[in-house]
ModelCIF file with pLDDT and N, C-alpha, C, O atoms, coordinates in Angstrom:
data_MODEL
#
_entry.id   MODEL 
#
_entity.id                         1 
_entity.type                       polymer 
_entity.pdbx_number_of_molecules   1 
#
_entity_poly.entity_id                      1 
_entity_poly.type                           'polypeptide(L)' 
_entity_poly.nstd_linkage                   no 
_entity_poly.nstd_monomer                   no 
_entity_poly.pdbx_seq_one_letter_code       QAGLLIYAGFILGFDGERSGAGDRIRAFVEETQIPQPMLGILQALPNT 
_entity_poly.pdbx_seq_one_letter_code_can   QAGLLIYAGFILGFDGERSGAGDRIRAFVEETQIPQPMLGILQALPNT 
_entity_poly.pdbx_strand_id                 A 
#
loop_
_entity_poly_seq.entity_id 
_entity_poly_seq.num 
_entity_poly_seq.mon_id 
_entity_poly_seq.hetero 
1 1  GLN n 
1 2  ALA n 
1 3  GLY n 
1 4  LEU n 
1 5  LEU n 
1 6  ILE n 
1 7  TYR n 
1 8  ALA n 
1 9  GLY n 
1 10 PHE n 
1 11 ILE n 
1 12 LEU n 
1 13 GLY n 
1 14 PHE n 
1 15 ASP n 
1 16 GLY n 
1 17 GLU n 
1 18 ARG n 
1 19 SER n 
1 20 GLY n 
1 21 ALA n 
1 22 GLY n 
1 23 ASP n 
1 24 ARG n 
1 25 ILE n 
1 26 ARG n 
1 27 ALA n 
1 28 PHE n 
1 29 VAL n 
1 30 GLU n 
1 31 GLU n 
1 32 THR n 
1 33 GLN n 
1 34 ILE n 
1 35 PRO n 
1 36 GLN n 
1 37 PRO n 
1 38 MET n 
1 39 LEU n 
1 40 GLY n 
1 41 ILE n 
1 42 LEU n 
1 43 GLN n 
1 44 ALA n 
1 45 LEU n 
1 46 PRO n 
1 47 ASN n 
1 48 THR n 
#
_struct_asym.id          A 
_struct_asym.entity_id   1 
#
loop_
_ma_qa_metric.id 
_ma_qa_metric.mode 
_ma_qa_metric.name 
_ma_qa_metric.software_group_id 
_ma_qa_metric.type 
1 global pLDDT . pLDDT 
2 local  pLDDT . pLDDT 
#
_ma_qa_metric_global.metric_id      1 
_ma_qa_metric_global.metric_value   96.73 
_ma_qa_metric_global.model_id       1 
_ma_qa_metric_global.ordinal_id     1 
#
loop_
_ma_qa_metric_local.label_asym_id 
_ma_qa_metric_local.label_comp_id 
_ma_qa_metric_local.label_seq_id 
_ma_qa_metric_local.metric_id 
_ma_qa_metric_local.metric_value 
_ma_qa_metric_local.model_id 
_ma_qa_metric_local.ordinal_id 
A GLN 1  2 96.00 1 1  
A ALA 2  2 97.00 1 2  
A GLY 3  2 96.00 1 3  
A LEU 4  2 97.00 1 4  
A LEU 5  2 97.00 1 5  
A ILE 6  2 98.00 1 6  
A TYR 7  2 97.00 1 7  
A ALA 8  2 98.00 1 8  
A GLY 9  2 97.00 1 9  
A PHE 10 2 98.00 1 10 
A ILE 11 2 98.00 1 11 
A LEU 12 2 97.00 1 12 
A GLY 13 2 97.00 1 13 
A PHE 14 2 98.00 1 14 
A ASP 15 2 97.00 1 15 
A GLY 16 2 96.00 1 16 
A GLU 17 2 97.00 1 17 
A ARG 18 2 96.00 1 18 
A SER 19 2 95.00 1 19 
A GLY 20 2 96.00 1 20 
A ALA 21 2 97.00 1 21 
A GLY 22 2 97.00 1 22 
A ASP 23 2 97.00 1 23 
A ARG 24 2 98.00 1 24 
A ILE 25 2 98.00 1 25 
A ARG 26 2 98.00 1 26 
A ALA 27 2 98.00 1 27 
A PHE 28 2 98.00 1 28 
A VAL 29 2 98.00 1 29 
A GLU 30 2 97.00 1 30 
A GLU 31 2 97.00 1 31 
A THR 32 2 97.00 1 32 
A GLN 33 2 97.00 1 33 
A ILE 34 2 98.00 1 34 
A PRO 35 2 98.00 1 35 
A GLN 36 2 97.00 1 36 
A PRO 37 2 97.00 1 37 
A MET 38 2 97.00 1 38 
A LEU 39 2 96.00 1 39 
A GLY 40 2 95.00 1 40 
A ILE 41 2 95.00 1 41 
A LEU 42 2 96.00 1 42 
A GLN 43 2 94.00 1 43 
A ALA 44 2 96.00 1 44 
A LEU 45 2 94.00 1 45 
A PRO 46 2 94.00 1 46 
A ASN 47 2 94.00 1 47 
A THR 48 2 97.00 1 48 
#
loop_
_atom_site.group_PDB 
_atom_site.id 
_atom_site.type_symbol 
_atom_site.label_atom_id 
_atom_site.label_alt_id 
_atom_site.label_comp_id 
_atom_site.label_asym_id 
_atom_site.label_entity_id 
_atom_site.label_seq_id 
_atom_site.pdbx_PDB_ins_code 
_atom_site.Cartn_x 
_atom_site.Cartn_y 
_atom_site.Cartn_z 
_atom_site.occupancy 
_atom_site.B_iso_or_equiv 
_atom_site.pdbx_formal_charge 
_atom_site.auth_seq_id 
_atom_site.auth_comp_id 
_atom_site.auth_asym_id 
_atom_site.auth_atom_id 
_atom_site.pdbx_PDB_model_num 
ATOM 1   N N  . GLN A 1 1  ? 153.923 32.984 83.363 1.00 96.00 ? 1  GLN A N  1 
ATOM 2   C CA . GLN A 1 1  ? 155.010 33.967 83.299 1.00 96.00 ? 1  GLN A CA 1 
ATOM 3   C C  . GLN A 1 1  ? 156.367 33.299 83.100 1.00 96.00 ? 1  GLN A C  1 
ATOM 4   O O  . GLN A 1 1  ? 157.304 33.917 82.594 1.00 96.00 ? 1  GLN A O  1 
ATOM 5   N N  . ALA A 1 2  ? 156.464 32.039 83.498 1.00 97.00 ? 2  ALA A N  1 
ATOM 6   C CA . ALA A 1 2  ? 157.714 31.311 83.248 1.00 97.00 ? 2  ALA A CA 1 
ATOM 7   C C  . ALA A 1 2  ? 157.879 30.967 81.772 1.00 97.00 ? 2  ALA A C  1 
ATOM 8   O O  . ALA A 1 2  ? 158.989 30.700 81.311 1.00 97.00 ? 2  ALA A O  1 
ATOM 9   N N  . GLY A 1 3  ? 156.761 30.975 81.028 1.00 96.00 ? 3  GLY A N  1 
ATOM 10  C CA . GLY A 1 3  ? 156.826 30.712 79.591 1.00 96.00 ? 3  GLY A CA 1 
ATOM 11  C C  . GLY A 1 3  ? 156.104 29.473 79.139 1.00 96.00 ? 3  GLY A C  1 
ATOM 12  O O  . GLY A 1 3  ? 156.333 29.010 78.022 1.00 96.00 ? 3  GLY A O  1 
ATOM 13  N N  . LEU A 1 4  ? 155.220 28.904 79.980 1.00 97.00 ? 4  LEU A N  1 
ATOM 14  C CA . LEU A 1 4  ? 154.504 27.684 79.621 1.00 97.00 ? 4  LEU A CA 1 
ATOM 15  C C  . LEU A 1 4  ? 153.021 27.964 79.405 1.00 97.00 ? 4  LEU A C  1 
ATOM 16  O O  . LEU A 1 4  ? 152.349 28.527 80.269 1.00 97.00 ? 4  LEU A O  1 
ATOM 17  N N  . LEU A 1 5  ? 152.528 27.563 78.248 1.00 97.00 ? 5  LEU A N  1 
ATOM 18  C CA . LEU A 1 5  ? 151.100 27.617 77.953 1.00 97.00 ? 5  LEU A CA 1 
ATOM 19  C C  . LEU A 1 5  ? 150.374 26.610 78.840 1.00 97.00 ? 5  LEU A C  1 
ATOM 20  O O  . LEU A 1 5  ? 150.841 25.484 79.013 1.00 97.00 ? 5  LEU A O  1 
ATOM 21  N N  . ILE A 1 6  ? 149.237 27.010 79.400 1.00 98.00 ? 6  ILE A N  1 
ATOM 22  C CA . ILE A 1 6  ? 148.491 26.128 80.292 1.00 98.00 ? 6  ILE A CA 1 
ATOM 23  C C  . ILE A 1 6  ? 147.284 25.546 79.574 1.00 98.00 ? 6  ILE A C  1 
ATOM 24  O O  . ILE A 1 6  ? 146.465 26.274 79.013 1.00 98.00 ? 6  ILE A O  1 
ATOM 25  N N  . TYR A 1 7  ? 147.187 24.211 79.600 1.00 97.00 ? 7  TYR A N  1 
ATOM 26  C CA . TYR A 1 7  ? 145.955 23.485 79.318 1.00 97.00 ? 7  TYR A CA 1 
ATOM 27  C C  . TYR A 1 7  ? 145.451 22.997 80.677 1.00 97.00 ? 7  TYR A C  1 
ATOM 28  O O  . TYR A 1 7  ? 146.262 22.730 81.564 1.00 97.00 ? 7  TYR A O  1 
ATOM 29  N N  . ALA A 1 8  ? 144.155 22.875 80.861 1.00 98.00 ? 8  ALA A N  1 
ATOM 30  C CA . ALA A 1 8  ? 143.682 22.526 82.196 1.00 98.00 ? 8  ALA A CA 1 
ATOM 31  C C  . ALA A 1 8  ? 142.401 21.720 82.149 1.00 98.00 ? 8  ALA A C  1 
ATOM 32  O O  . ALA A 1 8  ? 141.571 21.895 81.257 1.00 98.00 ? 8  ALA A O  1 
ATOM 33  N N  . GLY A 1 9  ? 142.250 20.826 83.131 1.00 97.00 ? 9  GLY A N  1 
ATOM 34  C CA . GLY A 1 9  ? 141.049 20.017 83.266 1.00 97.00 ? 9  GLY A CA 1 
ATOM 35  C C  . GLY A 1 9  ? 140.200 20.487 84.431 1.00 97.00 ? 9  GLY A C  1 
ATOM 36  O O  . GLY A 1 9  ? 140.718 20.839 85.490 1.00 97.00 ? 9  GLY A O  1 
ATOM 37  N N  . PHE A 1 10 ? 138.881 20.491 84.224 1.00 98.00 ? 10 PHE A N  1 
ATOM 38  C CA . PHE A 1 10 ? 137.917 20.871 85.261 1.00 98.00 ? 10 PHE A CA 1 
ATOM 39  C C  . PHE A 1 10 ? 136.810 19.827 85.307 1.00 98.00 ? 10 PHE A C  1 
ATOM 40  O O  . PHE A 1 10 ? 136.482 19.216 84.290 1.00 98.00 ? 10 PHE A O  1 
ATOM 41  N N  . ILE A 1 11 ? 136.236 19.623 86.486 1.00 98.00 ? 11 ILE A N  1 
ATOM 42  C CA . ILE A 1 11 ? 135.228 18.580 86.685 1.00 98.00 ? 11 ILE A CA 1 
ATOM 43  C C  . ILE A 1 11 ? 134.040 19.147 87.453 1.00 98.00 ? 11 ILE A C  1 
ATOM 44  O O  . ILE A 1 11 ? 134.202 19.902 88.411 1.00 98.00 ? 11 ILE A O  1 
ATOM 45  N N  . LEU A 1 12 ? 132.844 18.766 87.013 1.00 97.00 ? 12 LEU A N  1 
ATOM 46  C CA . LEU A 1 12 ? 131.610 19.064 87.739 1.00 97.00 ? 12 LEU A CA 1 
ATOM 47  C C  . LEU A 1 12 ? 131.045 17.776 88.316 1.00 97.00 ? 12 LEU A C  1 
ATOM 48  O O  . LEU A 1 12 ? 131.174 16.713 87.709 1.00 97.00 ? 12 LEU A O  1 
ATOM 49  N N  . GLY A 1 13 ? 130.417 17.865 89.491 1.00 97.00 ? 13 GLY A N  1 
ATOM 50  C CA . GLY A 1 13 ? 129.718 16.720 90.050 1.00 97.00 ? 13 GLY A CA 1 
ATOM 51  C C  . GLY A 1 13 ? 130.311 16.125 91.304 1.00 97.00 ? 13 GLY A C  1 
ATOM 52  O O  . GLY A 1 13 ? 129.906 15.036 91.712 1.00 97.00 ? 13 GLY A O  1 
ATOM 53  N N  . PHE A 1 14 ? 131.270 16.810 91.938 1.00 98.00 ? 14 PHE A N  1 
ATOM 54  C CA . PHE A 1 14 ? 131.839 16.295 93.175 1.00 98.00 ? 14 PHE A CA 1 
ATOM 55  C C  . PHE A 1 14 ? 130.781 16.264 94.272 1.00 98.00 ? 14 PHE A C  1 
ATOM 56  O O  . PHE A 1 14 ? 129.840 17.058 94.267 1.00 98.00 ? 14 PHE A O  1 
ATOM 57  N N  . ASP A 1 15 ? 130.948 15.344 95.203 1.00 97.00 ? 15 ASP A N  1 
ATOM 58  C CA . ASP A 1 15 ? 130.049 15.286 96.359 1.00 97.00 ? 15 ASP A CA 1 
ATOM 59  C C  . ASP A 1 15 ? 130.104 16.603 97.139 1.00 97.00 ? 15 ASP A C  1 
ATOM 60  O O  . ASP A 1 15 ? 131.175 17.164 97.371 1.00 97.00 ? 15 ASP A O  1 
ATOM 61  N N  . GLY A 1 16 ? 128.926 17.079 97.533 1.00 96.00 ? 16 GLY A N  1 
ATOM 62  C CA . GLY A 1 16 ? 128.846 18.309 98.301 1.00 96.00 ? 16 GLY A CA 1 
ATOM 63  C C  . GLY A 1 16 ? 129.017 19.572 97.477 1.00 96.00 ? 16 GLY A C  1 
ATOM 64  O O  . GLY A 1 16 ? 129.096 20.667 98.033 1.00 96.00 ? 16 GLY A O  1 
ATOM 65  N N  . GLU A 1 17 ? 129.076 19.437 96.166 1.00 97.00 ? 17 GLU A N  1 
ATOM 66  C CA . GLU A 1 17 ? 129.275 20.589 95.281 1.00 97.00 ? 17 GLU A CA 1 
ATOM 67  C C  . GLU A 1 17 ? 128.101 21.552 95.400 1.00 97.00 ? 17 GLU A C  1 
ATOM 68  O O  . GLU A 1 17 ? 126.942 21.138 95.367 1.00 97.00 ? 17 GLU A O  1 
ATOM 69  N N  . ARG A 1 18 ? 128.407 22.832 95.537 1.00 96.00 ? 18 ARG A N  1 
ATOM 70  C CA . ARG A 1 18 ? 127.368 23.852 95.657 1.00 96.00 ? 18 ARG A CA 1 
ATOM 71  C C  . ARG A 1 18 ? 126.871 24.282 94.283 1.00 96.00 ? 18 ARG A C  1 
ATOM 72  O O  . ARG A 1 18 ? 127.595 24.186 93.291 1.00 96.00 ? 18 ARG A O  1 
ATOM 73  N N  . SER A 1 19 ? 125.653 24.749 94.236 1.00 95.00 ? 19 SER A N  1 
ATOM 74  C CA . SER A 1 19 ? 125.100 25.286 92.996 1.00 95.00 ? 19 SER A CA 1 
ATOM 75  C C  . SER A 1 19 ? 125.984 26.417 92.489 1.00 95.00 ? 19 SER A C  1 
ATOM 76  O O  . SER A 1 19 ? 126.603 27.142 93.269 1.00 95.00 ? 19 SER A O  1 
ATOM 77  N N  . GLY A 1 20 ? 126.029 26.550 91.181 1.00 96.00 ? 20 GLY A N  1 
ATOM 78  C CA . GLY A 1 20 ? 126.845 27.608 90.582 1.00 96.00 ? 20 GLY A CA 1 
ATOM 79  C C  . GLY A 1 20 ? 128.297 27.214 90.377 1.00 96.00 ? 20 GLY A C  1 
ATOM 80  O O  . GLY A 1 20 ? 129.142 28.071 90.116 1.00 96.00 ? 20 GLY A O  1 
ATOM 81  N N  . ALA A 1 21 ? 128.600 25.909 90.492 1.00 97.00 ? 21 ALA A N  1 
ATOM 82  C CA . ALA A 1 21 ? 129.991 25.472 90.325 1.00 97.00 ? 21 ALA A CA 1 
ATOM 83  C C  . ALA A 1 21 ? 130.506 25.803 88.925 1.00 97.00 ? 21 ALA A C  1 
ATOM 84  O O  . ALA A 1 21 ? 131.671 26.164 88.758 1.00 97.00 ? 21 ALA A O  1 
ATOM 85  N N  . GLY A 1 22 ? 129.640 25.680 87.925 1.00 97.00 ? 22 GLY A N  1 
ATOM 86  C CA . GLY A 1 22 ? 130.056 26.017 86.564 1.00 97.00 ? 22 GLY A CA 1 
ATOM 87  C C  . GLY A 1 22 ? 130.386 27.486 86.411 1.00 97.00 ? 22 GLY A C  1 
ATOM 88  O O  . GLY A 1 22 ? 131.336 27.841 85.715 1.00 97.00 ? 22 GLY A O  1 
ATOM 89  N N  . ASP A 1 23 ? 129.616 28.340 87.050 1.00 97.00 ? 23 ASP A N  1 
ATOM 90  C CA . ASP A 1 23 ? 129.898 29.770 87.002 1.00 97.00 ? 23 ASP A CA 1 
ATOM 91  C C  . ASP A 1 23 ? 131.250 30.084 87.620 1.00 97.00 ? 23 ASP A C  1 
ATOM 92  O O  . ASP A 1 23 ? 131.983 30.941 87.127 1.00 97.00 ? 23 ASP A O  1 
ATOM 93  N N  . ARG A 1 24 ? 131.578 29.386 88.705 1.00 98.00 ? 24 ARG A N  1 
ATOM 94  C CA . ARG A 1 24 ? 132.860 29.641 89.373 1.00 98.00 ? 24 ARG A CA 1 
ATOM 95  C C  . ARG A 1 24 ? 134.032 29.132 88.527 1.00 98.00 ? 24 ARG A C  1 
ATOM 96  O O  . ARG A 1 24 ? 135.098 29.745 88.506 1.00 98.00 ? 24 ARG A O  1 
ATOM 97  N N  . ILE A 1 25 ? 133.832 28.019 87.836 1.00 98.00 ? 25 ILE A N  1 
ATOM 98  C CA . ILE A 1 25 ? 134.864 27.544 86.902 1.00 98.00 ? 25 ILE A CA 1 
ATOM 99  C C  . ILE A 1 25 ? 135.044 28.550 85.769 1.00 98.00 ? 25 ILE A C  1 
ATOM 100 O O  . ILE A 1 25 ? 136.165 28.880 85.384 1.00 98.00 ? 25 ILE A O  1 
ATOM 101 N N  . ARG A 1 26 ? 133.924 29.028 85.248 1.00 98.00 ? 26 ARG A N  1 
ATOM 102 C CA . ARG A 1 26 ? 133.998 30.000 84.151 1.00 98.00 ? 26 ARG A CA 1 
ATOM 103 C C  . ARG A 1 26 ? 134.723 31.275 84.588 1.00 98.00 ? 26 ARG A C  1 
ATOM 104 O O  . ARG A 1 26 ? 135.525 31.827 83.834 1.00 98.00 ? 26 ARG A O  1 
ATOM 105 N N  . ALA A 1 27 ? 134.444 31.733 85.787 1.00 98.00 ? 27 ALA A N  1 
ATOM 106 C CA . ALA A 1 27 ? 135.104 32.939 86.295 1.00 98.00 ? 27 ALA A CA 1 
ATOM 107 C C  . ALA A 1 27 ? 136.604 32.702 86.463 1.00 98.00 ? 27 ALA A C  1 
ATOM 108 O O  . ALA A 1 27 ? 137.415 33.581 86.174 1.00 98.00 ? 27 ALA A O  1 
ATOM 109 N N  . PHE A 1 28 ? 136.965 31.508 86.932 1.00 98.00 ? 28 PHE A N  1 
ATOM 110 C CA . PHE A 1 28 ? 138.383 31.178 87.096 1.00 98.00 ? 28 PHE A CA 1 
ATOM 111 C C  . PHE A 1 28 ? 139.091 31.147 85.740 1.00 98.00 ? 28 PHE A C  1 
ATOM 112 O O  . PHE A 1 28 ? 140.202 31.659 85.605 1.00 98.00 ? 28 PHE A O  1 
ATOM 113 N N  . VAL A 1 29 ? 138.452 30.552 84.748 1.00 98.00 ? 29 VAL A N  1 
ATOM 114 C CA . VAL A 1 29 ? 139.052 30.481 83.415 1.00 98.00 ? 29 VAL A CA 1 
ATOM 115 C C  . VAL A 1 29 ? 139.236 31.878 82.840 1.00 98.00 ? 29 VAL A C  1 
ATOM 116 O O  . VAL A 1 29 ? 140.261 32.167 82.223 1.00 98.00 ? 29 VAL A O  1 
ATOM 117 N N  . GLU A 1 30 ? 138.259 32.737 83.038 1.00 97.00 ? 30 GLU A N  1 
ATOM 118 C CA . GLU A 1 30 ? 138.386 34.104 82.519 1.00 97.00 ? 30 GLU A CA 1 
ATOM 119 C C  . GLU A 1 30 ? 139.474 34.864 83.263 1.00 97.00 ? 30 GLU A C  1 
ATOM 120 O O  . GLU A 1 30 ? 140.178 35.679 82.667 1.00 97.00 ? 30 GLU A O  1 
ATOM 121 N N  . GLU A 1 31 ? 139.621 34.605 84.559 1.00 97.00 ? 31 GLU A N  1 
ATOM 122 C CA . GLU A 1 31 ? 140.673 35.281 85.330 1.00 97.00 ? 31 GLU A CA 1 
ATOM 123 C C  . GLU A 1 31 ? 142.060 34.858 84.864 1.00 97.00 ? 31 GLU A C  1 
ATOM 124 O O  . GLU A 1 31 ? 142.958 35.691 84.736 1.00 97.00 ? 31 GLU A O  1 
ATOM 125 N N  . THR A 1 32 ? 142.234 33.570 84.612 1.00 97.00 ? 32 THR A N  1 
ATOM 126 C CA . THR A 1 32 ? 143.546 33.041 84.237 1.00 97.00 ? 32 THR A CA 1 
ATOM 127 C C  . THR A 1 32 ? 143.777 33.026 82.731 1.00 97.00 ? 32 THR A C  1 
ATOM 128 O O  . THR A 1 32 ? 144.902 32.816 82.277 1.00 97.00 ? 32 THR A O  1 
ATOM 129 N N  . GLN A 1 33 ? 142.718 33.248 81.952 1.00 97.00 ? 33 GLN A N  1 
ATOM 130 C CA . GLN A 1 33 ? 142.805 33.260 80.486 1.00 97.00 ? 33 GLN A CA 1 
ATOM 131 C C  . GLN A 1 33 ? 143.346 31.946 79.928 1.00 97.00 ? 33 GLN A C  1 
ATOM 132 O O  . GLN A 1 33 ? 144.077 31.946 78.938 1.00 97.00 ? 33 GLN A O  1 
ATOM 133 N N  . ILE A 1 34 ? 142.989 30.824 80.560 1.00 98.00 ? 34 ILE A N  1 
ATOM 134 C CA . ILE A 1 34 ? 143.382 29.516 80.041 1.00 98.00 ? 34 ILE A CA 1 
ATOM 135 C C  . ILE A 1 34 ? 142.611 29.268 78.742 1.00 98.00 ? 34 ILE A C  1 
ATOM 136 O O  . ILE A 1 34 ? 141.380 29.263 78.762 1.00 98.00 ? 34 ILE A O  1 
ATOM 137 N N  . PRO A 1 35 ? 143.296 29.063 77.617 1.00 98.00 ? 35 PRO A N  1 
ATOM 138 C CA . PRO A 1 35 ? 142.580 28.980 76.335 1.00 98.00 ? 35 PRO A CA 1 
ATOM 139 C C  . PRO A 1 35 ? 141.651 27.775 76.225 1.00 98.00 ? 35 PRO A C  1 
ATOM 140 O O  . PRO A 1 35 ? 140.504 27.905 75.798 1.00 98.00 ? 35 PRO A O  1 
ATOM 141 N N  . GLN A 1 36 ? 142.155 26.596 76.616 1.00 97.00 ? 36 GLN A N  1 
ATOM 142 C CA . GLN A 1 36 ? 141.423 25.352 76.347 1.00 97.00 ? 36 GLN A CA 1 
ATOM 143 C C  . GLN A 1 36 ? 141.110 24.599 77.648 1.00 97.00 ? 36 GLN A C  1 
ATOM 144 O O  . GLN A 1 36 ? 141.743 23.582 77.936 1.00 97.00 ? 36 GLN A O  1 
ATOM 145 N N  . PRO A 1 37 ? 140.151 25.082 78.429 1.00 97.00 ? 37 PRO A N  1 
ATOM 146 C CA . PRO A 1 37 ? 139.742 24.332 79.620 1.00 97.00 ? 37 PRO A CA 1 
ATOM 147 C C  . PRO A 1 37 ? 138.930 23.104 79.232 1.00 97.00 ? 37 PRO A C  1 
ATOM 148 O O  . PRO A 1 37 ? 137.924 23.218 78.532 1.00 97.00 ? 37 PRO A O  1 
ATOM 149 N N  . MET A 1 38 ? 139.363 21.932 79.684 1.00 97.00 ? 38 MET A N  1 
ATOM 150 C CA . MET A 1 38 ? 138.621 20.705 79.429 1.00 97.00 ? 38 MET A CA 1 
ATOM 151 C C  . MET A 1 38 ? 137.637 20.498 80.567 1.00 97.00 ? 38 MET A C  1 
ATOM 152 O O  . MET A 1 38 ? 138.031 20.188 81.691 1.00 97.00 ? 38 MET A O  1 
ATOM 153 N N  . LEU A 1 39 ? 136.364 20.669 80.272 1.00 96.00 ? 39 LEU A N  1 
ATOM 154 C CA . LEU A 1 39 ? 135.323 20.526 81.279 1.00 96.00 ? 39 LEU A CA 1 
ATOM 155 C C  . LEU A 1 39 ? 134.689 19.148 81.164 1.00 96.00 ? 39 LEU A C  1 
ATOM 156 O O  . LEU A 1 39 ? 134.271 18.748 80.077 1.00 96.00 ? 39 LEU A O  1 
ATOM 157 N N  . GLY A 1 40 ? 134.613 18.423 82.264 1.00 95.00 ? 40 GLY A N  1 
ATOM 158 C CA . GLY A 1 40 ? 134.023 17.100 82.265 1.00 95.00 ? 40 GLY A CA 1 
ATOM 159 C C  . GLY A 1 40 ? 133.047 16.924 83.409 1.00 95.00 ? 40 GLY A C  1 
ATOM 160 O O  . GLY A 1 40 ? 133.015 17.721 84.346 1.00 95.00 ? 40 GLY A O  1 
ATOM 161 N N  . ILE A 1 41 ? 132.247 15.864 83.320 1.00 95.00 ? 41 ILE A N  1 
ATOM 162 C CA . ILE A 1 41 ? 131.343 15.470 84.394 1.00 95.00 ? 41 ILE A CA 1 
ATOM 163 C C  . ILE A 1 41 ? 131.954 14.266 85.092 1.00 95.00 ? 41 ILE A C  1 
ATOM 164 O O  . ILE A 1 41 ? 132.402 13.325 84.436 1.00 95.00 ? 41 ILE A O  1 
ATOM 165 N N  . LEU A 1 42 ? 131.975 14.292 86.410 1.00 96.00 ? 42 LEU A N  1 
ATOM 166 C CA . LEU A 1 42 ? 132.644 13.257 87.187 1.00 96.00 ? 42 LEU A CA 1 
ATOM 167 C C  . LEU A 1 42 ? 132.086 11.871 86.882 1.00 96.00 ? 42 LEU A C  1 
ATOM 168 O O  . LEU A 1 42 ? 130.872 11.669 86.842 1.00 96.00 ? 42 LEU A O  1 
ATOM 169 N N  . GLN A 1 43 ? 132.994 10.922 86.666 1.00 94.00 ? 43 GLN A N  1 
ATOM 170 C CA . GLN A 1 43 ? 132.643 9.516  86.496 1.00 94.00 ? 43 GLN A CA 1 
ATOM 171 C C  . GLN A 1 43 ? 133.404 8.701  87.541 1.00 94.00 ? 43 GLN A C  1 
ATOM 172 O O  . GLN A 1 43 ? 134.533 9.041  87.897 1.00 94.00 ? 43 GLN A O  1 
ATOM 173 N N  . ALA A 1 44 ? 132.798 7.650  88.020 1.00 96.00 ? 44 ALA A N  1 
ATOM 174 C CA . ALA A 1 44 ? 133.478 6.716  88.917 1.00 96.00 ? 44 ALA A CA 1 
ATOM 175 C C  . ALA A 1 44 ? 134.141 5.647  88.072 1.00 96.00 ? 44 ALA A C  1 
ATOM 176 O O  . ALA A 1 44 ? 133.460 4.780  87.525 1.00 96.00 ? 44 ALA A O  1 
ATOM 177 N N  . LEU A 1 45 ? 135.454 5.695  87.959 1.00 94.00 ? 45 LEU A N  1 
ATOM 178 C CA . LEU A 1 45 ? 136.190 4.719  87.165 1.00 94.00 ? 45 LEU A CA 1 
ATOM 179 C C  . LEU A 1 45 ? 136.418 3.456  87.982 1.00 94.00 ? 45 LEU A C  1 
ATOM 180 O O  . LEU A 1 45 ? 136.618 3.530  89.195 1.00 94.00 ? 45 LEU A O  1 
ATOM 181 N N  . PRO A 1 46 ? 136.389 2.291  87.329 1.00 94.00 ? 46 PRO A N  1 
ATOM 182 C CA . PRO A 1 46 ? 136.524 1.022  88.051 1.00 94.00 ? 46 PRO A CA 1 
ATOM 183 C C  . PRO A 1 46 ? 137.789 0.967  88.902 1.00 94.00 ? 46 PRO A C  1 
ATOM 184 O O  . PRO A 1 46 ? 138.867 1.382  88.476 1.00 94.00 ? 46 PRO A O  1 
ATOM 185 N N  . ASN A 1 47 ? 137.630 0.444  90.114 1.00 94.00 ? 47 ASN A N  1 
ATOM 186 C CA . ASN A 1 47 ? 138.724 0.147  91.043 1.00 94.00 ? 47 ASN A CA 1 
ATOM 187 C C  . ASN A 1 47 ? 139.336 1.378  91.709 1.00 94.00 ? 47 ASN A C  1 
ATOM 188 O O  . ASN A 1 47 ? 140.253 1.243  92.519 1.00 94.00 ? 47 ASN A O  1 
ATOM 189 N N  . THR A 1 48 ? 138.845 2.577  91.381 1.00 97.00 ? 48 THR A N  1 
ATOM 190 C CA . THR A 1 48 ? 139.332 3.759  92.090 1.00 97.00 ? 48 THR A CA 1 
ATOM 191 C C  . THR A 1 48 ? 138.728 3.808  93.489 1.00 97.00 ? 48 THR A C  1 
ATOM 192 O O  . THR A 1 48 ? 139.012 4.731  94.252 1.00 97.00 ? 48 THR A O  1 
#
């Protein structure tokens, strides 16, 4: 509403994640109408 288009990142695979996490992300994207949600699978990057 302030006037900024939203791009957003989403991740699957967190520890303790419940089944249906993708469905909940999809529902959130549809609620917010974010055009380009970047969906990824969690990776452990070195030294993090």
